[in-house]
Amino acid sequence: MEDKNCSFVEYSVQRQVLDELCLDEVAQKGSWSAKPTFSERLKGSMRCSAPRAKEILLSWVPVFGWLPKYSIRENAIGDLISGCSVGIMHLPQGMAYALLASLSPVIGLYTSLYPVLVYFIFGTSRHISIGTFAVISIMIGSVTERLAPDSNFLVNATNGTGSVNTNEQGAYRVQIACSLTVLAGLFQILLGVVRFGFVVTYLSEPLVRGYTTGSACHVFGSQLKYLFGLSPARTSGPLSLIYTLVNICCLLPQTVIPELVVSVVALTVLIVVKELNQCYRQRLPLPIPIELIVIIAATIITHFCDLSAKYNVDVVGEIPSGLKAPQAPDVSLFPAVIGDAFAVAIVGYAINISLGKTFALKHGYKVDSNQELVALGLSNTVGGCFQCYSVTSSLSRSLVQESTGGKTQVAGLISSIIVLITVLKIGALFETLPKAVLSTIVIVNLKGMFKQFSDVPMLWKTNKVDLLVWLVTFTCTILLNLDLGLAVSIGFSLLTVIFRTQLPRYSILGQVPATNLYLDVDTYKEAKEIPGIKIFRSSATIYYTNAEMYLEALQEKSGIQIGKLLAEKKKQDATRKQQKEKTDKNEPNPQRVSNLLPNGTFSMEEKQISPEMGGRNFKRAVALKLTESPANGFSQGQVNWAYQSDTMSDSDMGSQHDDSITQASKDSHDKKEPTDSFGPHSIILDLSTTSFVDTVAVKTLKNIFRDLGDIGVGVYLTGCQACVVEQLERAGFFSEPIPKSRLFVTIHDAVLHILNKVGQTDVILDVSYNTKM
């Protein structure tokens, strides 16, 4: 049974009440700055020395830092086994994902080779596997199909029909993919150089998971045609997935049965063996490379049974051996793909850094987010010149690389060597591989992404706003396609941030008895409001989007309608002025006191009564009655200063306009009583949640001080961070009407100051300078 008893540890604090001025003196606030000036930073960046040159080199080329320290005894065996396992996975996934990008399978093998070598040199993550990935492949495919549709490459076209020149179309699509990849790489390098790695923080986890789940649906829809042996019309743009599914359903009667049989058999084998790998992963030294086994078996069966010729099974076709010479991208295509390139750059980096930080946290090392941008950008830029398309890390390959004992990036180097051998020597052997088998490999590997649908019930229980982001992202990705869906999703995610700051939680705080804790009275039963004092807190930073709502919430929570009170005050001032003019006009002798009573007593009384607000009569009264007596001429009067306007500085506290009132106030100091029945005389604004203030927030706070001061309510600030105080000072917030002594370190300091000032410390017995917990 859980022990719910509080700790019996006690502490006692005894100190003076600290406002901002006292805090500066006690804590010895200095005007110095620990940050170097701009000129110092500039000189430092221009300074050249051997240690600095070495530091720069190691930061930009991390391989020089860790490779000389590589321990063969500790890491070699694990990296070798891991590299072989990942290299075997690269072969089927590279060829399969190339089909997603509407490119030749050999392009997928190139993509699994060159970028991996580049990342080995510049990357900082030891466990992620760079290469082809389904989401990025489908994003590339949407661009290649949009810019190089079948209709542009028809041969002997008659009435809109004819054969497609696949060689010319394939070559042009490779140019498009390479140009897009190079441009995406340049974006990533530029962002990395300017230290803009934090940009990925705007892609929240629900957004990324919702986007990848929607992308998985696009991937699944794009592979159905290979499973059934169909050739539906290609669609692009919004609702393209819906149109594709409708077309496939209409063409189902034309299903190629032998190809469907191949797909079903391959799917069954892949699913069964992958489940066995998952169940017995602790006992197996290596996972069964079922994908490679299925590819080899399907290629052999198709070749010797001649399935392509006899049963019209669609196969991969020619796979050229050897490597291609590098060539510059087609710059003329940049304007057409610039938006897609930026989307690919951001999505690829988001997936890469999230995986990298996950493994880094697990194994206790650091991943440099800015260097990861540079490394991924160089992988794409260099790879794009060698007929590769955009890459990022793959979850399935990364998990295999980590689980099979991979320790460093050397595992990636070994996997690229295996891919190189395949491209140079044995790539041509896979020419009779059925495309349906590659499609089944893609579909089976989508299992992890489809499992993300379980996020929906989890988010429903934990955070409704994150659930809304997930659902909107998923829906937009499905309906608006990958590029436009991502843009809309990011915009919606940012809107949720704005709405959260515009709709914060406003609270009135009360004191927990015998403590210095001040909690929301609506949440904690033991939190009690202090008579005459309202403590107001907002859960969000006050700035231009919510400043007006902050003022409205303050009036609603405190029960003080500032506008009505100011109007009533003006009306009373005008009435009082008229009465005075009338009295002065009718009095024969202005030297004579007009309110001489028949019994020889004098009476001076002034009252201000406002309309009812919030179910309470909000009153301000200052009363003085002097009665003539034989002993000293006057008896002691009573003055209630609890509702005196607190617009004067604390150093002037207790000053008066009339000597007799001052004497009466001093004499009656011990007879003051709380008068909360008339409404609050002080308001404390807790700004502990505020991280910055803009000009609108400063103006709003000034208006609060001015307007509440006009109706006799004192305003105090508490909990301001040092940076907020500096911003208030620069904005000219502190002045004679608003001295710095109105700013207190804690709520408790402000409460003690107010109660001491109005002489009500005997009313709240639990408030003490000696706080016990």
Foldseek 3Di string as FASTA:
>chain_A
DDDPDDDPDKDKDFDAQFFPVNCCVVVVDDPDDPDDDPVVVVVVVPDDDDVVVVVVVCLQWVCVVCVVVDDCVQFVVLLQQLLVQLLLVQQLLLQLLLVLLVAASLLSLLQLFQLLVLCQGQFDFFQFRKGDDNLLSNLNNLLLCVVQPQQVAADPDDPSDHDGPCVVSNVVSLLLQLLLLLLLLVVLQVCLVVVNLCPLVLCDPLLLLLLLLLSLLVLLLVLVCLLQVHDFHQDHFFCRSVVSVVRCVVCNVVGQVVSNVLLVVLLVQVVVLVVVCVVCVVPDLARDSSLSVSLVVQLVCCVVVVCCVPRVFAASAAQDADFDDFDDRDVVCCVVCVLSSNLSSSSQLSVQVVVRVVVCVVVPHDGRSSSSSNSQSVSSNVSSRRSHGHMHTDPVSSVNSVSNRRDGSSSSVSSSVSSNCCRHPPVRSSRSGGSSSSSSVSSVSCVVSNVSVVVLVVCVVPPVVSNVLSVQLNVLCNRGPNSVSSVVSSVVSVVVVLVPQQDWDKAWWADQFLFPDTDGVVVDVRGDHDQQETEMETLAADEDNRLVVSVVVVCVVQQNDLVQLVVQVVVVVVVVVVVVVVVVVPDPDPVDDPQQDPVRFHFDWDWRWGDDTPNATATDTFGWGWGQDPPPGTDQIDTQCLQAQPQADPVCQLDDDDPNVSVSHVVCLVVYDGDSSNGHQEYEYENLNHPEYDPSNLVSVLVVLVSSSVRRHHYAYENDDPRRVVRCVVSVSADRSRHSSSYGHHPLSNVVVSCVSSVNCVVRVRRDSIGMD
